Structures are given as structure tokens and as C-alpha cells.
Amino acid sequence: MNLGDPLRPKDADQTPGDAAASSAQAWALDVQTGRDLVRWFDSPAGRYVLAWEQAQFDERVVDIFGFHALQVGFGQIDALRTNRMPLRVHAAEWVPEASAADALAEQTLVLTEFEELPFATQSLDLVVLPHALELSPDPHHLLREAERVLAPEGKLIVSCFNPYSLWGARQFAGRVLGKPFLPRAGQFISLSRVKDWLKLLDFEVEGGKFGCYRPACRAQPWLDRTRFMDAAGDRWWPVLGAVYLLQAVKRVRGMRLIGPAWKTRRQRAAGLASAAQRGTPKETLRKTA
């Protein structure tokens, strides 16, 4: 049996037409996966998660300053709604639904593949990835793209589903039984793995938060009855939230941003007065004599 050259790339025998067809098929699968997730977020459980994440993004991006901000994917959340940067861009792989388009009316829409962002290196001050890693076929490559386009000291905010939660257990059991709670496509990525990827890319984690502790129920009445579990879970089992949000900053070795040496008018006047009191050497000798 001929095993072929082990050093030969797997797609070396592909023609340009085959490569283009394979790329188009992968892109279509990503789009379908994203649309399935968008439809799921229209359910009662999805709206419950959306409300929590929208509040978290509003709180975190409001005090992040700069000039250029980017949201990658998932138009159901306007993650840059409270941010005050002059240019806010939303990168999507397809034209958002009418409801999402209304929510993103203040952002510039760019249709692109997430693994090849059409932005210059170190040109952005803020990048948010709401559930973009879970829908990407290569989430680590997407993080590398985010690191490339971010300027030094730029901020990165990521939100993902937590596999180690009641929702994660429900999703695992649903896949075994053929009735997944969340869309079948996509993947749950643990917090520890995301932290490891960020560390490899020289990001420093600044903070994060778990949320959504109610059981994985599809009906709104059951979600309303278990509302008390949000406060209890945040206090007693915080790492078992259904979703988590992580904020990090891009560090560049050998670089440290410092501000100008500000001096108030009173400090400058005090310095001039002390210099005048010291006098010149001749005056000092005359006083001594």
C-alpha cells in the first residue's frame, strides 16, 4: 500500500478550482451555523442570554477610549452600543437580519471572512468577539487575527458558552440523544483554554465574569420561576454559569506607554521661587564676607 510522501501537503494535489470549491463549502457551513445560532437566540433561553450579555458589554466598553473599534460577528448584540469611539465597525459573514440591522444602525458594516480581517496591522483600539470563537472553524487563528489588528495596549473582549455548566451538560446529553439544546454545529470552548490561547498571544487578562445560572429550559415560565438562581449562583457557584465574558489587553514586550509629566501652575511657580531664593555664587560669597 502506497502511503505517499508524508511531507507532501494534504491539499497538494488539489486544483485551484477544487480549493475554491472547498473554501466556498466551508464558508457556506459557517454561515449556516451562524444562522442556526441566531435563530436559537430568538427563543426564550436565547433572549435571556442576550439580555445578560448586552448589559455586560455596555458596562465594559463604555470606558474604553480610542479611535477605532470592531465587533466580529453576531449582530443580535450591539456590543459597541455604549462605546464613544468615532469609528465603530461590525464585521459579518452575511447581511444581518432586519432586527439586527436596526440594532447595528450606528456601526459600519463590513462583509468579510473572520479569519482574514481586512484591517491594517495594529490599527484598532478595541475588538469584541461575541460568540465568534465558537462559530469559527479555527478559533485560535481568529484570535491571532484579533491580535494582529489590535494596537499595543488595545482591548479584547470575548464571550462564550461555558461547557462546565448545567447548559453544557444539557448540550452534551442532547447530542448523545439527538436533541441538542443549542445548535448542533459550533463548539463549546472552556475558559481555561481561551486563557491559554491569550497567554500565547501575549495578552494579559484584566477580568471576566460568569452569568446565566438558570436551568437550561426552553419555556419562558420555567425561566421566570428560577430567576432566584441568578443571585444564588453568582454567590455560591460562580464558575458554573452558562456563559462567560473575558476582557484582556494586548501587551508588547519592551514597550510601556507613559503619559506626559504634567505640572500644575502652582508647582511651576514654587519651583521658580526656590530657584530665585538660592541666588548666584557671587551673592553667596558677598553674604559670607
Protein backbone atom coordinates (compact mmCIF):
# COMPACT_ATOMS: atom_id res chain seq x y z
CA MET A 1 0.00 0.00 0.00
CA ASN A 2 1.40 3.37 -1.08
CA LEU A 3 1.13 5.89 1.73
CA GLY A 4 2.55 8.71 -0.37
CA ASP A 5 5.02 11.35 0.68
CA PRO A 6 4.46 12.16 4.38
CA LEU A 7 5.95 15.63 3.87
CA ARG A 8 3.63 16.45 0.99
CA PRO A 9 0.71 18.73 1.98
CA LYS A 10 -2.67 17.10 2.02
CA ASP A 11 -4.08 19.58 -0.50
CA ALA A 12 -1.07 19.50 -2.82
CA ASP A 13 -3.00 17.55 -5.48
CA GLN A 14 -5.96 19.94 -5.40
CA THR A 15 -6.53 22.14 -8.38
CA PRO A 16 -7.36 25.84 -7.90
CA GLY A 17 -10.96 25.02 -8.75
CA ASP A 18 -11.14 22.30 -6.07
CA ALA A 19 -9.58 24.61 -3.49
CA ALA A 20 -12.08 27.36 -4.32
CA ALA A 21 -14.99 24.92 -4.10
CA SER A 22 -13.76 23.62 -0.73
CA SER A 23 -13.38 27.16 0.59
CA ALA A 24 -16.87 28.08 -0.60
CA GLN A 25 -18.32 24.96 1.04
CA ALA A 26 -16.62 25.78 4.35
CA TRP A 27 -17.87 29.37 4.18
CA ALA A 28 -21.43 28.17 3.48
CA LEU A 29 -21.23 25.84 6.50
CA ASP A 30 -20.05 28.69 8.72
CA VAL A 31 -22.89 30.91 7.53
CA GLN A 32 -25.46 28.17 8.15
CA THR A 33 -24.05 27.59 11.63
CA GLY A 34 -24.28 31.30 12.39
CA ARG A 35 -27.86 31.49 11.15
CA ASP A 36 -28.83 28.50 13.32
CA LEU A 37 -27.37 30.22 16.37
CA VAL A 38 -29.18 33.47 15.52
CA ARG A 39 -32.49 31.59 15.32
CA TRP A 40 -31.76 29.95 18.68
CA PHE A 41 -31.22 33.36 20.25
CA ASP A 42 -34.79 34.26 19.29
CA SER A 43 -36.03 31.63 21.79
CA PRO A 44 -36.80 32.46 25.46
CA ALA A 45 -33.47 30.99 26.63
CA GLY A 46 -31.63 32.89 23.92
CA ARG A 47 -33.24 36.20 24.86
CA TYR A 48 -32.29 35.53 28.48
CA VAL A 49 -28.63 35.16 27.48
CA LEU A 50 -28.80 38.18 25.17
CA ALA A 51 -30.07 40.44 27.94
CA TRP A 52 -27.24 39.42 30.29
CA GLU A 53 -24.51 39.76 27.67
CA GLN A 54 -25.80 43.12 26.40
CA ALA A 55 -25.65 44.52 29.93
CA GLN A 56 -22.10 43.20 30.39
CA PHE A 57 -20.84 44.65 27.11
CA ASP A 58 -22.50 48.01 27.84
CA GLU A 59 -20.73 48.18 31.19
CA ARG A 60 -17.28 47.21 29.91
CA VAL A 61 -16.90 49.14 26.66
CA VAL A 62 -18.22 52.48 27.93
CA ASP A 63 -14.85 53.50 29.45
CA ILE A 64 -12.57 52.12 26.71
CA PHE A 65 -11.21 55.01 24.67
CA GLY A 66 -9.50 55.24 21.31
CA PHE A 67 -10.42 55.85 17.68
CA HIS A 68 -11.35 52.54 16.03
CA ALA A 69 -13.48 49.70 17.44
CA LEU A 70 -14.52 46.41 15.80
CA GLN A 71 -17.24 43.86 16.57
CA VAL A 72 -16.74 40.49 14.88
CA GLY A 73 -19.94 38.63 14.05
CA PHE A 74 -23.21 38.06 15.86
CA GLY A 75 -25.35 41.06 15.03
CA GLN A 76 -28.01 40.18 17.64
CA ILE A 77 -25.86 42.06 20.18
CA ASP A 78 -24.68 45.63 19.71
CA ALA A 79 -21.55 45.18 21.80
CA LEU A 80 -20.32 48.70 20.98
CA ARG A 81 -23.56 50.48 21.83
CA THR A 82 -22.19 52.50 24.75
CA ASN A 83 -18.69 52.97 23.35
CA ARG A 84 -17.75 56.50 22.26
CA MET A 85 -15.07 55.86 19.64
CA PRO A 86 -15.64 57.82 16.42
CA LEU A 87 -15.40 54.77 14.11
CA ARG A 88 -17.24 51.56 15.08
CA VAL A 89 -17.22 48.70 12.57
CA HIS A 90 -19.20 45.45 12.53
CA ALA A 91 -17.61 42.57 10.60
CA ALA A 92 -20.10 39.93 9.39
CA GLU A 93 -20.05 36.95 7.04
CA TRP A 94 -23.55 37.67 5.76
CA VAL A 95 -26.01 40.54 5.76
CA PRO A 96 -27.71 40.62 9.20
CA GLU A 97 -31.43 40.12 9.66
CA ALA A 98 -33.68 43.19 9.71
CA SER A 99 -33.86 43.25 13.52
CA ALA A 100 -30.08 43.01 13.86
CA ALA A 101 -29.55 45.62 11.14
CA ASP A 102 -31.67 48.10 13.10
CA ALA A 103 -29.67 47.43 16.26
CA LEU A 104 -26.39 48.00 14.39
CA ALA A 105 -27.52 51.13 12.55
CA GLU A 106 -24.74 53.25 14.11
CA GLN A 107 -21.97 50.86 13.01
CA THR A 108 -20.26 50.48 9.64
CA LEU A 109 -20.96 47.03 8.17
CA VAL A 110 -18.13 45.08 6.51
CA LEU A 111 -18.75 41.66 4.91
CA THR A 112 -15.64 39.51 5.29
CA GLU A 113 -14.26 36.18 6.48
CA PHE A 114 -13.36 36.30 10.15
CA GLU A 115 -10.03 34.51 9.63
CA GLU A 116 -8.84 37.22 7.19
CA LEU A 117 -9.88 40.57 8.64
CA PRO A 118 -9.44 43.43 6.12
CA PHE A 119 -7.74 45.81 8.53
CA ALA A 120 -4.16 47.02 8.79
CA THR A 121 -1.86 45.68 11.46
CA GLN A 122 -2.11 47.50 14.80
CA SER A 123 -4.90 49.76 13.56
CA LEU A 124 -7.71 49.07 16.09
CA ASP A 125 -8.12 50.01 19.74
CA LEU A 126 -10.93 47.62 20.68
CA VAL A 127 -12.07 44.23 19.32
CA VAL A 128 -15.08 42.34 20.68
CA LEU A 129 -15.84 38.70 19.82
CA PRO A 130 -19.38 37.78 20.96
CA HIS A 131 -19.58 34.00 20.35
CA ALA A 132 -17.30 34.36 17.32
CA LEU A 133 -14.80 31.77 18.58
CA GLU A 134 -17.47 29.08 18.89
CA LEU A 135 -18.60 29.55 15.29
CA SER A 136 -15.12 29.73 13.79
CA PRO A 137 -13.57 26.57 12.24
CA ASP A 138 -10.20 27.75 13.58
CA PRO A 139 -10.78 29.83 16.75
CA HIS A 140 -7.09 30.14 17.56
CA HIS A 141 -6.44 31.64 14.12
CA LEU A 142 -9.26 34.13 14.73
CA LEU A 143 -7.56 35.19 17.97
CA ARG A 144 -4.30 35.64 16.08
CA GLU A 145 -6.10 37.93 13.64
CA ALA A 146 -7.52 39.92 16.54
CA GLU A 147 -4.02 40.24 18.00
CA ARG A 148 -2.65 41.38 14.63
CA VAL A 149 -5.14 44.21 14.10
CA LEU A 150 -5.05 45.43 17.71
CA ALA A 151 -2.70 48.26 18.61
CA PRO A 152 -0.40 47.91 21.66
CA GLU A 153 -2.48 48.27 24.84
CA GLY A 154 -5.62 47.57 22.78
CA LYS A 155 -8.54 45.80 24.44
CA LEU A 156 -10.12 42.45 23.55
CA ILE A 157 -13.47 41.21 24.94
CA VAL A 158 -14.67 37.64 24.33
CA SER A 159 -17.95 35.93 25.23
CA CYS A 160 -18.53 32.17 25.02
CA PHE A 161 -20.76 29.41 26.34
CA ASN A 162 -19.36 27.55 29.33
CA PRO A 163 -19.05 23.78 28.76
CA TYR A 164 -18.76 23.16 32.53
CA SER A 165 -22.27 24.28 33.41
CA LEU A 166 -25.83 22.95 33.51
CA TRP A 167 -26.26 24.14 29.96
CA GLY A 168 -23.08 22.38 28.90
CA ALA A 169 -24.28 19.12 30.47
CA ARG A 170 -27.65 19.54 28.74
CA GLN A 171 -25.92 20.11 25.41
CA PHE A 172 -23.72 17.00 25.84
CA ALA A 173 -26.70 14.82 26.74
CA GLY A 174 -28.73 16.30 23.90
CA ARG A 175 -26.06 15.45 21.36
CA VAL A 176 -25.99 11.86 22.57
CA LEU A 177 -29.79 11.61 22.35
CA GLY A 178 -30.01 13.55 19.11
CA LYS A 179 -31.80 16.56 20.65
CA PRO A 180 -29.18 19.22 21.40
CA PHE A 181 -30.26 22.22 23.45
CA LEU A 182 -28.07 24.60 21.43
CA PRO A 183 -27.40 24.31 17.68
CA ARG A 184 -25.52 21.11 16.88
CA ALA A 185 -22.79 22.90 14.96
CA GLY A 186 -20.32 25.06 16.80
CA GLN A 187 -18.22 24.15 19.81
CA PHE A 188 -18.04 24.94 23.48
CA ILE A 189 -14.62 26.35 24.47
CA SER A 190 -13.61 26.30 28.11
CA LEU A 191 -12.37 29.38 29.92
CA SER A 192 -9.00 27.78 30.69
CA ARG A 193 -8.36 27.06 27.01
CA VAL A 194 -9.19 30.63 25.98
CA LYS A 195 -6.85 31.92 28.69
CA ASP A 196 -4.05 29.68 27.41
CA TRP A 197 -4.53 30.97 23.86
CA LEU A 198 -4.49 34.56 25.06
CA LYS A 199 -1.31 33.97 27.05
CA LEU A 200 0.43 32.53 23.98
CA LEU A 201 -0.51 35.68 22.06
CA ASP A 202 0.89 37.99 24.78
CA PHE A 203 -2.49 39.11 26.08
CA GLU A 204 -2.96 39.92 29.75
CA VAL A 205 -6.34 39.04 31.22
CA GLU A 206 -7.81 42.01 33.07
CA GLY A 207 -11.05 40.46 34.29
CA GLY A 208 -14.10 38.43 33.46
CA LYS A 209 -17.47 37.27 34.70
CA PHE A 210 -19.76 34.23 34.59
CA GLY A 211 -23.50 34.60 34.23
CA CYS A 212 -26.88 32.97 33.46
CA TYR A 213 -27.34 30.39 36.21
CA ARG A 214 -30.93 29.37 35.50
CA PRO A 215 -31.54 25.80 34.24
CA ALA A 216 -31.50 25.03 30.52
CA CYS A 217 -35.23 25.43 29.94
CA ARG A 218 -36.93 26.25 26.66
CA ALA A 219 -40.15 27.63 28.19
CA GLN A 220 -40.36 31.19 29.49
CA PRO A 221 -42.47 30.29 32.59
CA TRP A 222 -39.76 27.97 33.90
CA LEU A 223 -37.09 30.60 33.33
CA ASP A 224 -39.20 33.08 35.29
CA ARG A 225 -39.72 30.64 38.18
CA THR A 226 -35.97 30.04 38.55
CA ARG A 227 -34.99 33.72 38.48
CA PHE A 228 -33.66 33.47 42.06
CA MET A 229 -30.85 31.18 40.83
CA ASP A 230 -29.03 34.10 39.20
CA ALA A 231 -28.25 35.75 42.53
CA ALA A 232 -27.62 32.43 44.28
CA GLY A 233 -25.34 31.13 41.53
CA ASP A 234 -23.31 34.32 41.37
CA ARG A 235 -22.57 33.89 45.07
CA TRP A 236 -22.34 30.13 45.65
CA TRP A 237 -21.29 28.51 42.35
CA PRO A 238 -19.95 31.35 40.16
CA VAL A 239 -17.88 29.19 37.77
CA LEU A 240 -20.97 27.19 36.68
CA GLY A 241 -22.62 30.00 34.74
CA ALA A 242 -23.94 29.15 31.29
CA VAL A 243 -21.85 31.87 29.62
CA TYR A 244 -18.72 33.80 30.47
CA LEU A 245 -17.16 37.07 29.37
CA LEU A 246 -13.42 37.72 29.36
CA GLN A 247 -11.54 41.01 28.93
CA ALA A 248 -7.83 41.19 28.03
CA VAL A 249 -5.29 43.79 26.94
CA LYS A 250 -2.56 43.36 24.32
CA ARG A 251 0.92 43.72 25.78
CA VAL A 252 4.05 44.37 23.72
CA ARG A 253 7.32 43.37 25.33
CA GLY A 254 9.80 46.18 25.74
CA MET A 255 7.10 48.84 25.36
CA ARG A 256 5.46 50.80 28.12
CA LEU A 257 3.11 53.69 27.49
CA ILE A 258 3.69 56.63 29.82
CA GLY A 259 1.95 59.96 29.98
CA PRO A 260 3.48 63.44 29.94
CA ALA A 261 4.98 64.87 33.11
CA TRP A 262 2.10 67.20 33.93
CA LYS A 263 2.81 70.07 36.30
CA THR A 264 0.30 72.48 37.67
CA ARG A 265 0.81 76.24 37.54
CA ARG A 266 1.31 76.30 41.31
CA GLN A 267 4.07 73.65 41.13
CA ARG A 268 5.91 75.60 38.40
CA ALA A 269 5.68 78.83 40.42
CA ALA A 270 7.03 77.09 43.52
CA GLY A 271 9.99 75.77 41.54
CA LEU A 272 10.86 79.25 40.19
CA ALA A 273 10.61 80.79 43.66
CA SER A 274 13.00 78.24 45.17
CA ALA A 275 15.49 78.84 42.34
CA ALA A 276 15.37 82.62 42.91
CA GLN A 277 15.98 82.25 46.65
CA ARG A 278 19.14 80.23 46.12
CA GLY A 279 20.81 83.17 44.31
CA THR A 280 24.09 83.25 42.38
CA PRO A 281 27.55 82.19 43.70
CA LYS A 282 28.74 85.85 43.87
CA GLU A 283 25.82 86.82 46.09
CA THR A 284 26.59 83.87 48.34
CA LEU A 285 30.28 84.92 48.76
CA ARG A 286 29.28 88.54 49.46
CA LYS A 287 26.93 87.48 52.22
CA THR A 288 29.65 85.29 53.75
CA ALA A 289 32.18 88.15 53.76
